[in-house]
Amino acid sequence: MSFAGTPEPPYYAVIFTTMRVNDPNDGYAEMSKRLEKMVCNQPGYIGMESVRESDGFGITVCYWKDEASITNWKNNLEHQYAQEKGMADWYKNYFLRVAKVERDNGRI
């Protein structure tokens, strides 16, 4: 994984924090790969950063141009199916946050 290339603010960050169920054969990895490929083609998508610990705890930050782009991705049918599977089967716990990035700085 690498740093997402983000534009000058403002832009939006969708922060998805999860604790996975420990079942390597539940279809999660395959769906995750499909969604990663799909999201790159969504209007307003900027980039993504994601990490997962060996205990199943993970954080994914997805960057977007605006709230309308976030809503369009949320309403994507395959993404909706993945959301339902996540709530029912893939995550013990999860939390979603949406934030407007007004400042950023760093060294890459």
PDB file of N, CA and C in Angstrom:
ATOM      1  N   MET A   1       0.848  -1.176   0.000  1.00  0.00           N
ATOM      2  CA  MET A   1       0.000   0.000   0.000  1.00  0.00           C
ATOM      3  C   MET A   1       0.884   1.225   0.000  1.00  0.00           C
ATOM      4  N   SER A   2       0.384   2.291  -0.579  1.00  0.00           N
ATOM      5  CA  SER A   2       1.125   3.543  -0.607  1.00  0.00           C
ATOM      6  C   SER A   2       0.185   4.691  -0.258  1.00  0.00           C
ATOM      7  N   PHE A   3       0.764   5.869  -0.145  1.00  0.00           N
ATOM      8  CA  PHE A   3      -0.040   7.050   0.135  1.00  0.00           C
ATOM      9  C   PHE A   3      -0.900   7.382  -1.079  1.00  0.00           C
ATOM     10  N   ALA A   4      -2.139   7.783  -0.832  1.00  0.00           N
ATOM     11  CA  ALA A   4      -3.010   8.235  -1.915  1.00  0.00           C
ATOM     12  C   ALA A   4      -2.565   9.633  -2.331  1.00  0.00           C
ATOM     13  N   GLY A   5      -2.536   9.874  -3.617  1.00  0.00           N
ATOM     14  CA  GLY A   5      -2.227  11.210  -4.114  1.00  0.00           C
ATOM     15  C   GLY A   5      -3.475  12.069  -4.048  1.00  0.00           C
ATOM     16  N   THR A   6      -3.496  13.011  -3.150  1.00  0.00           N
ATOM     17  CA  THR A   6      -4.686  13.847  -2.965  1.00  0.00           C
ATOM     18  C   THR A   6      -4.433  15.249  -3.511  1.00  0.00           C
ATOM     19  N   PRO A   7      -5.497  15.915  -3.958  1.00  0.00           N
ATOM     20  CA  PRO A   7      -5.362  17.275  -4.482  1.00  0.00           C
ATOM     21  C   PRO A   7      -5.289  18.285  -3.342  1.00  0.00           C
ATOM     22  N   GLU A   8      -5.175  19.534  -3.698  1.00  0.00           N
ATOM     23  CA  GLU A   8      -5.282  20.588  -2.698  1.00  0.00           C
ATOM     24  C   GLU A   8      -6.681  20.524  -2.090  1.00  0.00           C
ATOM     25  N   PRO A   9      -6.787  20.685  -0.766  1.00  0.00           N
ATOM     26  CA  PRO A   9      -8.110  20.700  -0.140  1.00  0.00           C
ATOM     27  C   PRO A   9      -8.941  21.865  -0.670  1.00  0.00           C
ATOM     28  N   PRO A  10     -10.254  21.754  -0.541  1.00  0.00           N
ATOM     29  CA  PRO A  10     -10.989  20.733   0.197  1.00  0.00           C
ATOM     30  C   PRO A  10     -11.284  19.497  -0.655  1.00  0.00           C
ATOM     31  N   TYR A  11     -11.397  18.384   0.024  1.00  0.00           N
ATOM     32  CA  TYR A  11     -11.869  17.124  -0.528  1.00  0.00           C
ATOM     33  C   TYR A  11     -12.421  16.330   0.655  1.00  0.00           C
ATOM     34  N   TYR A  12     -12.938  15.147   0.406  1.00  0.00           N
ATOM     35  CA  TYR A  12     -13.592  14.368   1.462  1.00  0.00           C
ATOM     36  C   TYR A  12     -12.863  13.050   1.708  1.00  0.00           C
ATOM     37  N   ALA A  13     -12.935  12.591   2.951  1.00  0.00           N
ATOM     38  CA  ALA A  13     -12.376  11.301   3.347  1.00  0.00           C
ATOM     39  C   ALA A  13     -13.485  10.459   3.966  1.00  0.00           C
ATOM     40  N   VAL A  14     -13.660   9.259   3.454  1.00  0.00           N
ATOM     41  CA  VAL A  14     -14.569   8.285   4.051  1.00  0.00           C
ATOM     42  C   VAL A  14     -13.680   7.295   4.796  1.00  0.00           C
ATOM     43  N   ILE A  15     -13.849   7.221   6.099  1.00  0.00           N
ATOM     44  CA  ILE A  15     -12.997   6.412   6.968  1.00  0.00           C
ATOM     45  C   ILE A  15     -13.820   5.226   7.461  1.00  0.00           C
ATOM     46  N   PHE A  16     -13.394   4.036   7.069  1.00  0.00           N
ATOM     47  CA  PHE A  16     -14.125   2.813   7.386  1.00  0.00           C
ATOM     48  C   PHE A  16     -13.244   1.963   8.293  1.00  0.00           C
ATOM     49  N   THR A  17     -13.634   1.853   9.558  1.00  0.00           N
ATOM     50  CA  THR A  17     -12.892   1.097  10.560  1.00  0.00           C
ATOM     51  C   THR A  17     -13.656  -0.196  10.831  1.00  0.00           C
ATOM     52  N   THR A  18     -12.937  -1.329  10.784  1.00  0.00           N
ATOM     53  CA  THR A  18     -13.619  -2.618  10.898  1.00  0.00           C
ATOM     54  C   THR A  18     -12.843  -3.609  11.755  1.00  0.00           C
ATOM     55  N   MET A  19     -13.586  -4.586  12.254  1.00  0.00           N
ATOM     56  CA  MET A  19     -13.000  -5.776  12.862  1.00  0.00           C
ATOM     57  C   MET A  19     -13.591  -6.959  12.104  1.00  0.00           C
ATOM     58  N   ARG A  20     -12.743  -7.675  11.367  1.00  0.00           N
ATOM     59  CA  ARG A  20     -13.182  -8.786  10.532  1.00  0.00           C
ATOM     60  C   ARG A  20     -13.500 -10.030  11.339  1.00  0.00           C
ATOM     61  N   VAL A  21     -14.452 -10.793  10.838  1.00  0.00           N
ATOM     62  CA  VAL A  21     -14.693 -12.155  11.297  1.00  0.00           C
ATOM     63  C   VAL A  21     -13.560 -12.999  10.717  1.00  0.00           C
ATOM     64  N   ASN A  22     -13.052 -13.927  11.488  1.00  0.00           N
ATOM     65  CA  ASN A  22     -11.908 -14.721  11.035  1.00  0.00           C
ATOM     66  C   ASN A  22     -12.370 -15.934  10.236  1.00  0.00           C
ATOM     67  N   ASP A  23     -12.664 -15.722   8.952  1.00  0.00           N
ATOM     68  CA  ASP A  23     -13.050 -16.815   8.060  1.00  0.00           C
ATOM     69  C   ASP A  23     -12.465 -16.538   6.680  1.00  0.00           C
ATOM     70  N   PRO A  24     -11.304 -17.103   6.367  1.00  0.00           N
ATOM     71  CA  PRO A  24     -10.647 -16.805   5.098  1.00  0.00           C
ATOM     72  C   PRO A  24     -11.396 -17.309   3.865  1.00  0.00           C
ATOM     73  N   ASN A  25     -12.419 -18.117   4.048  1.00  0.00           N
ATOM     74  CA  ASN A  25     -13.158 -18.679   2.915  1.00  0.00           C
ATOM     75  C   ASN A  25     -14.557 -18.090   2.760  1.00  0.00           C
ATOM     76  N   ASP A  26     -14.778 -16.890   3.286  1.00  0.00           N
ATOM     77  CA  ASP A  26     -16.126 -16.320   3.269  1.00  0.00           C
ATOM     78  C   ASP A  26     -16.412 -15.415   2.069  1.00  0.00           C
ATOM     79  N   GLY A  27     -15.478 -15.307   1.129  1.00  0.00           N
ATOM     80  CA  GLY A  27     -15.711 -14.498  -0.063  1.00  0.00           C
ATOM     81  C   GLY A  27     -15.310 -13.043   0.076  1.00  0.00           C
ATOM     82  N   TYR A  28     -14.863 -12.650   1.251  1.00  0.00           N
ATOM     83  CA  TYR A  28     -14.505 -11.248   1.492  1.00  0.00           C
ATOM     84  C   TYR A  28     -13.358 -10.783   0.598  1.00  0.00           C
ATOM     85  N   ALA A  29     -12.293 -11.556   0.525  1.00  0.00           N
ATOM     86  CA  ALA A  29     -11.110 -11.140  -0.238  1.00  0.00           C
ATOM     87  C   ALA A  29     -11.453 -10.923  -1.709  1.00  0.00           C
ATOM     88  N   GLU A  30     -12.252 -11.808  -2.275  1.00  0.00           N
ATOM     89  CA  GLU A  30     -12.636 -11.677  -3.677  1.00  0.00           C
ATOM     90  C   GLU A  30     -13.480 -10.424  -3.899  1.00  0.00           C
ATOM     91  N   MET A  31     -14.441 -10.182  -3.021  1.00  0.00           N
ATOM     92  CA  MET A  31     -15.278  -8.993  -3.155  1.00  0.00           C
ATOM     93  C   MET A  31     -14.442  -7.726  -2.979  1.00  0.00           C
ATOM     94  N   SER A  32     -13.541  -7.740  -2.031  1.00  0.00           N
ATOM     95  CA  SER A  32     -12.686  -6.581  -1.791  1.00  0.00           C
ATOM     96  C   SER A  32     -11.875  -6.229  -3.037  1.00  0.00           C
ATOM     97  N   LYS A  33     -11.318  -7.227  -3.690  1.00  0.00           N
ATOM     98  CA  LYS A  33     -10.543  -6.992  -4.918  1.00  0.00           C
ATOM     99  C   LYS A  33     -11.420  -6.437  -6.029  1.00  0.00           C
ATOM    100  N   ARG A  34     -12.633  -6.978  -6.180  1.00  0.00           N
ATOM    101  CA  ARG A  34     -13.559  -6.471  -7.204  1.00  0.00           C
ATOM    102  C   ARG A  34     -13.913  -5.017  -6.947  1.00  0.00           C
ATOM    103  N   LEU A  35     -14.233  -4.699  -5.691  1.00  0.00           N
ATOM    104  CA  LEU A  35     -14.614  -3.326  -5.366  1.00  0.00           C
ATOM    105  C   LEU A  35     -13.452  -2.363  -5.555  1.00  0.00           C
ATOM    106  N   GLU A  36     -12.234  -2.788  -5.215  1.00  0.00           N
ATOM    107  CA  GLU A  36     -11.062  -1.927  -5.426  1.00  0.00           C
ATOM    108  C   GLU A  36     -10.913  -1.559  -6.895  1.00  0.00           C
ATOM    109  N   LYS A  37     -11.139  -2.513  -7.786  1.00  0.00           N
ATOM    110  CA  LYS A  37     -11.056  -2.235  -9.223  1.00  0.00           C
ATOM    111  C   LYS A  37     -12.194  -1.320  -9.671  1.00  0.00           C
ATOM    112  N   MET A  38     -13.394  -1.553  -9.147  1.00  0.00           N
ATOM    113  CA  MET A  38     -14.561  -0.764  -9.541  1.00  0.00           C
ATOM    114  C   MET A  38     -14.472   0.679  -9.075  1.00  0.00           C
ATOM    115  N   VAL A  39     -14.046   0.887  -7.837  1.00  0.00           N
ATOM    116  CA  VAL A  39     -14.065   2.230  -7.267  1.00  0.00           C
ATOM    117  C   VAL A  39     -13.142   3.174  -8.028  1.00  0.00           C
ATOM    118  N   CYS A  40     -12.074   2.645  -8.587  1.00  0.00           N
ATOM    119  CA  CYS A  40     -11.123   3.482  -9.332  1.00  0.00           C
ATOM    120  C   CYS A  40     -11.764   4.161 -10.538  1.00  0.00           C
ATOM    121  N   ASN A  41     -12.846   3.601 -11.045  1.00  0.00           N
ATOM    122  CA  ASN A  41     -13.527   4.157 -12.217  1.00  0.00           C
ATOM    123  C   ASN A  41     -14.712   5.045 -11.859  1.00  0.00           C
ATOM    124  N   GLN A  42     -14.941   5.269 -10.578  1.00  0.00           N
ATOM    125  CA  GLN A  42     -16.085   6.070 -10.154  1.00  0.00           C
ATOM    126  C   GLN A  42     -15.765   7.562 -10.271  1.00  0.00           C
ATOM    127  N   PRO A  43     -16.684   8.347 -10.837  1.00  0.00           N
ATOM    128  CA  PRO A  43     -16.464   9.790 -10.901  1.00  0.00           C
ATOM    129  C   PRO A  43     -16.254  10.369  -9.498  1.00  0.00           C
ATOM    130  N   GLY A  44     -15.254  11.215  -9.361  1.00  0.00           N
ATOM    131  CA  GLY A  44     -14.977  11.868  -8.088  1.00  0.00           C
ATOM    132  C   GLY A  44     -14.040  11.108  -7.176  1.00  0.00           C
ATOM    133  N   TYR A  45     -13.695   9.874  -7.525  1.00  0.00           N
ATOM    134  CA  TYR A  45     -12.770   9.079  -6.716  1.00  0.00           C
ATOM    135  C   TYR A  45     -11.365   9.656  -6.848  1.00  0.00           C
ATOM    136  N   ILE A  46     -10.674   9.805  -5.707  1.00  0.00           N
ATOM    137  CA  ILE A  46      -9.315  10.345  -5.701  1.00  0.00           C
ATOM    138  C   ILE A  46      -8.289   9.261  -5.406  1.00  0.00           C
ATOM    139  N   GLY A  47      -8.518   8.464  -4.382  1.00  0.00           N
ATOM    140  CA  GLY A  47      -7.552   7.438  -4.007  1.00  0.00           C
ATOM    141  C   GLY A  47      -7.953   6.766  -2.712  1.00  0.00           C
ATOM    142  N   MET A  48      -7.119   5.795  -2.293  1.00  0.00           N
ATOM    143  CA  MET A  48      -7.457   5.009  -1.112  1.00  0.00           C
ATOM    144  C   MET A  48      -6.183   4.602  -0.384  1.00  0.00           C
ATOM    145  N   GLU A  49      -6.300   4.498   0.940  1.00  0.00           N
ATOM    146  CA  GLU A  49      -5.249   3.950   1.799  1.00  0.00           C
ATOM    147  C   GLU A  49      -5.923   2.937   2.713  1.00  0.00           C
ATOM    148  N   SER A  50      -5.300   1.767   2.878  1.00  0.00           N
ATOM    149  CA  SER A  50      -5.945   0.713   3.653  1.00  0.00           C
ATOM    150  C   SER A  50      -4.906  -0.143   4.358  1.00  0.00           C
ATOM    151  N   VAL A  51      -5.199  -0.491   5.607  1.00  0.00           N
ATOM    152  CA  VAL A  51      -4.334  -1.386   6.384  1.00  0.00           C
ATOM    153  C   VAL A  51      -5.211  -2.355   7.166  1.00  0.00           C
ATOM    154  N   ARG A  52      -4.656  -3.556   7.405  1.00  0.00           N
ATOM    155  CA  ARG A  52      -5.356  -4.531   8.234  1.00  0.00           C
ATOM    156  C   ARG A  52      -4.322  -5.259   9.075  1.00  0.00           C
ATOM    157  N   GLU A  53      -4.616  -5.370  10.369  1.00  0.00           N
ATOM    158  CA  GLU A  53      -3.743  -6.081  11.307  1.00  0.00           C
ATOM    159  C   GLU A  53      -4.057  -7.577  11.275  1.00  0.00           C
ATOM    160  N   SER A  54      -3.166  -8.379  11.810  1.00  0.00           N
ATOM    161  CA  SER A  54      -3.361  -9.831  11.815  1.00  0.00           C
ATOM    162  C   SER A  54      -4.552 -10.260  12.672  1.00  0.00           C
ATOM    163  N   ASP A  55      -4.961  -9.416  13.630  1.00  0.00           N
ATOM    164  CA  ASP A  55      -6.125  -9.752  14.459  1.00  0.00           C
ATOM    165  C   ASP A  55      -7.455  -9.418  13.787  1.00  0.00           C
ATOM    166  N   GLY A  56      -7.401  -8.844  12.557  1.00  0.00           N
ATOM    167  CA  GLY A  56      -8.617  -8.528  11.825  1.00  0.00           C
ATOM    168  C   GLY A  56      -9.021  -7.070  11.860  1.00  0.00           C
ATOM    169  N   PHE A  57      -8.370  -6.245  12.697  1.00  0.00           N
ATOM    170  CA  PHE A  57      -8.693  -4.824  12.773  1.00  0.00           C
ATOM    171  C   PHE A  57      -8.152  -4.120  11.533  1.00  0.00           C
ATOM    172  N   GLY A  58      -9.000  -3.310  10.890  1.00  0.00           N
ATOM    173  CA  GLY A  58      -8.574  -2.610   9.682  1.00  0.00           C
ATOM    174  C   GLY A  58      -9.146  -1.220   9.576  1.00  0.00           C
ATOM    175  N   ILE A  59      -8.433  -0.385   8.835  1.00  0.00           N
ATOM    176  CA  ILE A  59      -8.892   0.969   8.529  1.00  0.00           C
ATOM    177  C   ILE A  59      -8.669   1.210   7.041  1.00  0.00           C
ATOM    178  N   THR A  60      -9.718   1.650   6.370  1.00  0.00           N
ATOM    179  CA  THR A  60      -9.629   2.056   4.971  1.00  0.00           C
ATOM    180  C   THR A  60     -10.104   3.496   4.881  1.00  0.00           C
ATOM    181  N   VAL A  61      -9.291   4.326   4.251  1.00  0.00           N
ATOM    182  CA  VAL A  61      -9.660   5.721   4.012  1.00  0.00           C
ATOM    183  C   VAL A  61      -9.760   5.897   2.508  1.00  0.00           C
ATOM    184  N   CYS A  62     -10.930   6.299   2.057  1.00  0.00           N
ATOM    185  CA  CYS A  62     -11.181   6.513   0.636  1.00  0.00           C
ATOM    186  C   CYS A  62     -11.430   8.005   0.433  1.00  0.00           C
ATOM    187  N   TYR A  63     -10.700   8.605  -0.501  1.00  0.00           N
ATOM    188  CA  TYR A  63     -10.775  10.048  -0.724  1.00  0.00           C
ATOM    189  C   TYR A  63     -11.638  10.349  -1.942  1.00  0.00           C
ATOM    190  N   TRP A  64     -12.463  11.396  -1.794  1.00  0.00           N
ATOM    191  CA  TRP A  64     -13.433  11.761  -2.820  1.00  0.00           C
ATOM    192  C   TRP A  64     -13.436  13.266  -3.052  1.00  0.00           C
ATOM    193  N   LYS A  65     -13.808  13.646  -4.264  1.00  0.00           N
ATOM    194  CA  LYS A  65     -13.878  15.055  -4.654  1.00  0.00           C
ATOM    195  C   LYS A  65     -14.983  15.794  -3.902  1.00  0.00           C
ATOM    196  N   ASP A  66     -16.144  15.146  -3.747  1.00  0.00           N
ATOM    197  CA  ASP A  66     -17.293  15.824  -3.142  1.00  0.00           C
ATOM    198  C   ASP A  66     -18.270  14.797  -2.559  1.00  0.00           C
ATOM    199  N   GLU A  67     -19.253  15.302  -1.841  1.00  0.00           N
ATOM    200  CA  GLU A  67     -20.238  14.414  -1.208  1.00  0.00           C
ATOM    201  C   GLU A  67     -21.115  13.689  -2.220  1.00  0.00           C
ATOM    202  N   ALA A  68     -21.394  14.332  -3.352  1.00  0.00           N
ATOM    203  CA  ALA A  68     -22.211  13.676  -4.375  1.00  0.00           C
ATOM    204  C   ALA A  68     -21.516  12.418  -4.895  1.00  0.00           C
ATOM    205  N   SER A  69     -20.208  12.470  -5.053  1.00  0.00           N
ATOM    206  CA  SER A  69     -19.451  11.296  -5.509  1.00  0.00           C
ATOM    207  C   SER A  69     -19.520  10.171  -4.486  1.00  0.00           C
ATOM    208  N   ILE A  70     -19.457  10.525  -3.212  1.00  0.00           N
ATOM    209  CA  ILE A  70     -19.574   9.527  -2.140  1.00  0.00           C
ATOM    210  C   ILE A  70     -20.946   8.860  -2.197  1.00  0.00           C
ATOM    211  N   THR A  71     -21.977   9.657  -2.364  1.00  0.00           N
ATOM    212  CA  THR A  71     -23.344   9.134  -2.434  1.00  0.00           C
ATOM    213  C   THR A  71     -23.515   8.212  -3.636  1.00  0.00           C
ATOM    214  N   ASN A  72     -22.956   8.597  -4.776  1.00  0.00           N
ATOM    215  CA  ASN A  72     -23.056   7.746  -5.968  1.00  0.00           C
ATOM    216  C   ASN A  72     -22.402   6.392  -5.731  1.00  0.00           C
ATOM    217  N   TRP A  73     -21.243   6.368  -5.075  1.00  0.00           N
ATOM    218  CA  TRP A  73     -20.576   5.094  -4.778  1.00  0.00           C
ATOM    219  C   TRP A  73     -21.393   4.289  -3.774  1.00  0.00           C
ATOM    220  N   LYS A  74     -21.934   4.963  -2.777  1.00  0.00           N
ATOM    221  CA  LYS A  74     -22.758   4.271  -1.776  1.00  0.00           C
ATOM    222  C   LYS A  74     -23.944   3.576  -2.438  1.00  0.00           C
ATOM    223  N   ASN A  75     -24.481   4.179  -3.493  1.00  0.00           N
ATOM    224  CA  ASN A  75     -25.656   3.642  -4.169  1.00  0.00           C
ATOM    225  C   ASN A  75     -25.335   2.643  -5.276  1.00  0.00           C
ATOM    226  N   ASN A  76     -24.064   2.384  -5.547  1.00  0.00           N
ATOM    227  CA  ASN A  76     -23.666   1.379  -6.530  1.00  0.00           C
ATOM    228  C   ASN A  76     -24.188   0.012  -6.069  1.00  0.00           C
ATOM    229  N   LEU A  77     -24.851  -0.718  -6.964  1.00  0.00           N
ATOM    230  CA  LEU A  77     -25.520  -1.963  -6.567  1.00  0.00           C
ATOM    231  C   LEU A  77     -24.563  -3.020  -6.022  1.00  0.00           C
ATOM    232  N   GLU A  78     -23.406  -3.203  -6.638  1.00  0.00           N
ATOM    233  CA  GLU A  78     -22.467  -4.208  -6.121  1.00  0.00           C
ATOM    234  C   GLU A  78     -21.905  -3.766  -4.773  1.00  0.00           C
ATOM    235  N   HIS A  79     -21.680  -2.470  -4.627  1.00  0.00           N
ATOM    236  CA  HIS A  79     -21.216  -1.948  -3.341  1.00  0.00           C
ATOM    237  C   HIS A  79     -22.292  -2.143  -2.270  1.00  0.00           C
ATOM    238  N   GLN A  80     -23.559  -1.940  -2.632  1.00  0.00           N
ATOM    239  CA  GLN A  80     -24.648  -2.172  -1.675  1.00  0.00           C
ATOM    240  C   GLN A  80     -24.697  -3.634  -1.240  1.00  0.00           C
ATOM    241  N   TYR A  81     -24.494  -4.547  -2.187  1.00  0.00           N
ATOM    242  CA  TYR A  81     -24.465  -5.972  -1.848  1.00  0.00           C
ATOM    243  C   TYR A  81     -23.326  -6.247  -0.866  1.00  0.00           C
ATOM    244  N   ALA A  82     -22.153  -5.668  -1.128  1.00  0.00           N
ATOM    245  CA  ALA A  82     -21.004  -5.852  -0.231  1.00  0.00           C
ATOM    246  C   ALA A  82     -21.294  -5.273   1.149  1.00  0.00           C
ATOM    247  N   GLN A  83     -21.985  -4.137   1.203  1.00  0.00           N
ATOM    248  CA  GLN A  83     -22.346  -3.551   2.497  1.00  0.00           C
ATOM    249  C   GLN A  83     -23.236  -4.511   3.290  1.00  0.00           C
ATOM    250  N   GLU A  84     -24.216  -5.096   2.621  1.00  0.00           N
ATOM    251  CA  GLU A  84     -25.113  -6.042   3.291  1.00  0.00           C
ATOM    252  C   GLU A  84     -24.353  -7.270   3.799  1.00  0.00           C
ATOM    253  N   LYS A  85     -23.464  -7.813   2.958  1.00  0.00           N
ATOM    254  CA  LYS A  85     -22.654  -8.968   3.364  1.00  0.00           C
ATOM    255  C   LYS A  85     -21.748  -8.601   4.533  1.00  0.00           C
ATOM    256  N   GLY A  86     -21.194  -7.398   4.482  1.00  0.00           N
ATOM    257  CA  GLY A  86     -20.319  -6.951   5.563  1.00  0.00           C
ATOM    258  C   GLY A  86     -21.041  -6.912   6.894  1.00  0.00           C
ATOM    259  N   MET A  87     -22.220  -6.315   6.897  1.00  0.00           N
ATOM    260  CA  MET A  87     -22.990  -6.217   8.142  1.00  0.00           C
ATOM    261  C   MET A  87     -23.428  -7.591   8.641  1.00  0.00           C
ATOM    262  N   ALA A  88     -23.784  -8.478   7.708  1.00  0.00           N
ATOM    263  CA  ALA A  88     -24.311  -9.789   8.094  1.00  0.00           C
ATOM    264  C   ALA A  88     -23.223 -10.817   8.401  1.00  0.00           C
ATOM    265  N   ASP A  89     -22.124 -10.796   7.632  1.00  0.00           N
ATOM    266  CA  ASP A  89     -21.184 -11.918   7.678  1.00  0.00           C
ATOM    267  C   ASP A  89     -19.713 -11.565   7.891  1.00  0.00           C
ATOM    268  N   TRP A  90     -19.246 -10.437   7.398  1.00  0.00           N
ATOM    269  CA  TRP A  90     -17.808 -10.191   7.318  1.00  0.00           C
ATOM    270  C   TRP A  90     -17.217  -9.407   8.482  1.00  0.00           C
ATOM    271  N   TYR A  91     -18.011  -8.606   9.166  1.00  0.00           N
ATOM    272  CA  TYR A  91     -17.473  -7.744  10.221  1.00  0.00           C
ATOM    273  C   TYR A  91     -18.106  -8.045  11.571  1.00  0.00           C
ATOM    274  N   LYS A  92     -17.269  -8.195  12.585  1.00  0.00           N
ATOM    275  CA  LYS A  92     -17.763  -8.263  13.963  1.00  0.00           C
ATOM    276  C   LYS A  92     -18.250  -6.887  14.376  1.00  0.00           C
ATOM    277  N   ASN A  93     -17.460  -5.880  14.031  1.00  0.00           N
ATOM    278  CA  ASN A  93     -17.771  -4.489  14.349  1.00  0.00           C
ATOM    279  C   ASN A  93     -17.321  -3.621  13.182  1.00  0.00           C
ATOM    280  N   TYR A  94     -17.989  -2.497  13.004  1.00  0.00           N
ATOM    281  CA  TYR A  94     -17.558  -1.544  11.977  1.00  0.00           C
ATOM    282  C   TYR A  94     -18.056  -0.153  12.340  1.00  0.00           C
ATOM    283  N   PHE A  95     -17.385   0.851  11.781  1.00  0.00           N
ATOM    284  CA  PHE A  95     -17.793   2.235  11.983  1.00  0.00           C
ATOM    285  C   PHE A  95     -17.389   3.013  10.745  1.00  0.00           C
ATOM    286  N   LEU A  96     -18.281   3.862  10.257  1.00  0.00           N
ATOM    287  CA  LEU A  96     -18.032   4.663   9.065  1.00  0.00           C
ATOM    288  C   LEU A  96     -18.096   6.138   9.433  1.00  0.00           C
ATOM    289  N   ARG A  97     -17.102   6.878   8.979  1.00  0.00           N
ATOM    290  CA  ARG A  97     -17.066   8.322   9.212  1.00  0.00           C
ATOM    291  C   ARG A  97     -16.821   9.015   7.878  1.00  0.00           C
ATOM    292  N   VAL A  98     -17.438  10.172   7.690  1.00  0.00           N
ATOM    293  CA  VAL A  98     -17.194  10.998   6.513  1.00  0.00           C
ATOM    294  C   VAL A  98     -16.720  12.350   7.010  1.00  0.00           C
ATOM    295  N   ALA A  99     -15.576  12.794   6.479  1.00  0.00           N
ATOM    296  CA  ALA A  99     -14.989  14.050   6.940  1.00  0.00           C
ATOM    297  C   ALA A  99     -14.580  14.907   5.748  1.00  0.00           C
ATOM    298  N   LYS A 100     -14.732  16.201   5.900  1.00  0.00           N
ATOM    299  CA  LYS A 100     -14.240  17.145   4.898  1.00  0.00           C
ATOM    300  C   LYS A 100     -12.817  17.532   5.284  1.00  0.00           C
ATOM    301  N   VAL A 101     -11.883  17.317   4.368  1.00  0.00           N
ATOM    302  CA  VAL A 101     -10.486  17.679   4.609  1.00  0.00           C
ATOM    303  C   VAL A 101     -10.306  19.128   4.175  1.00  0.00           C
ATOM    304  N   GLU A 102      -9.976  19.968   5.134  1.00  0.00           N
ATOM    305  CA  GLU A 102      -9.791  21.384   4.833  1.00  0.00           C
ATOM    306  C   GLU A 102      -8.328  21.781   4.788  1.00  0.00           C
ATOM    307  N   ARG A 103      -7.479  20.997   5.456  1.00  0.00           N
ATOM    308  CA  ARG A 103      -6.037  21.237   5.436  1.00  0.00           C
ATOM    309  C   ARG A 103      -5.339  19.893   5.380  1.00  0.00           C
ATOM    310  N   ASP A 104      -4.194  19.877   4.737  1.00  0.00           N
ATOM    311  CA  ASP A 104      -3.325  18.706   4.804  1.00  0.00           C
ATOM    312  C   ASP A 104      -1.881  19.158   4.620  1.00  0.00           C
ATOM    313  N   ASN A 105      -0.976  18.373   5.146  1.00  0.00           N
ATOM    314  CA  ASN A 105       0.447  18.627   4.930  1.00  0.00           C
ATOM    315  C   ASN A 105       1.198  17.352   5.228  1.00  0.00           C
ATOM    316  N   GLY A 106       2.379  17.249   4.721  1.00  0.00           N
ATOM    317  CA  GLY A 106       3.161  16.048   4.960  1.00  0.00           C
ATOM    318  C   GLY A 106       4.336  15.962   4.023  1.00  0.00           C
ATOM    319  N   ARG A 107       5.025  14.856   4.116  1.00  0.00           N
ATOM    320  CA  ARG A 107       6.174  14.593   3.253  1.00  0.00           C
ATOM    321  C   ARG A 107       6.034  13.176   2.719  1.00  0.00           C
ATOM    322  N   ILE A 108       6.037  13.068   1.422  1.00  0.00           N
ATOM    323  CA  ILE A 108       5.926  11.755   0.784  1.00  0.00           C
ATOM    324  C   ILE A 108       7.166  11.525  -0.062  1.00  0.00           C
TER     325      ILE A 108
END
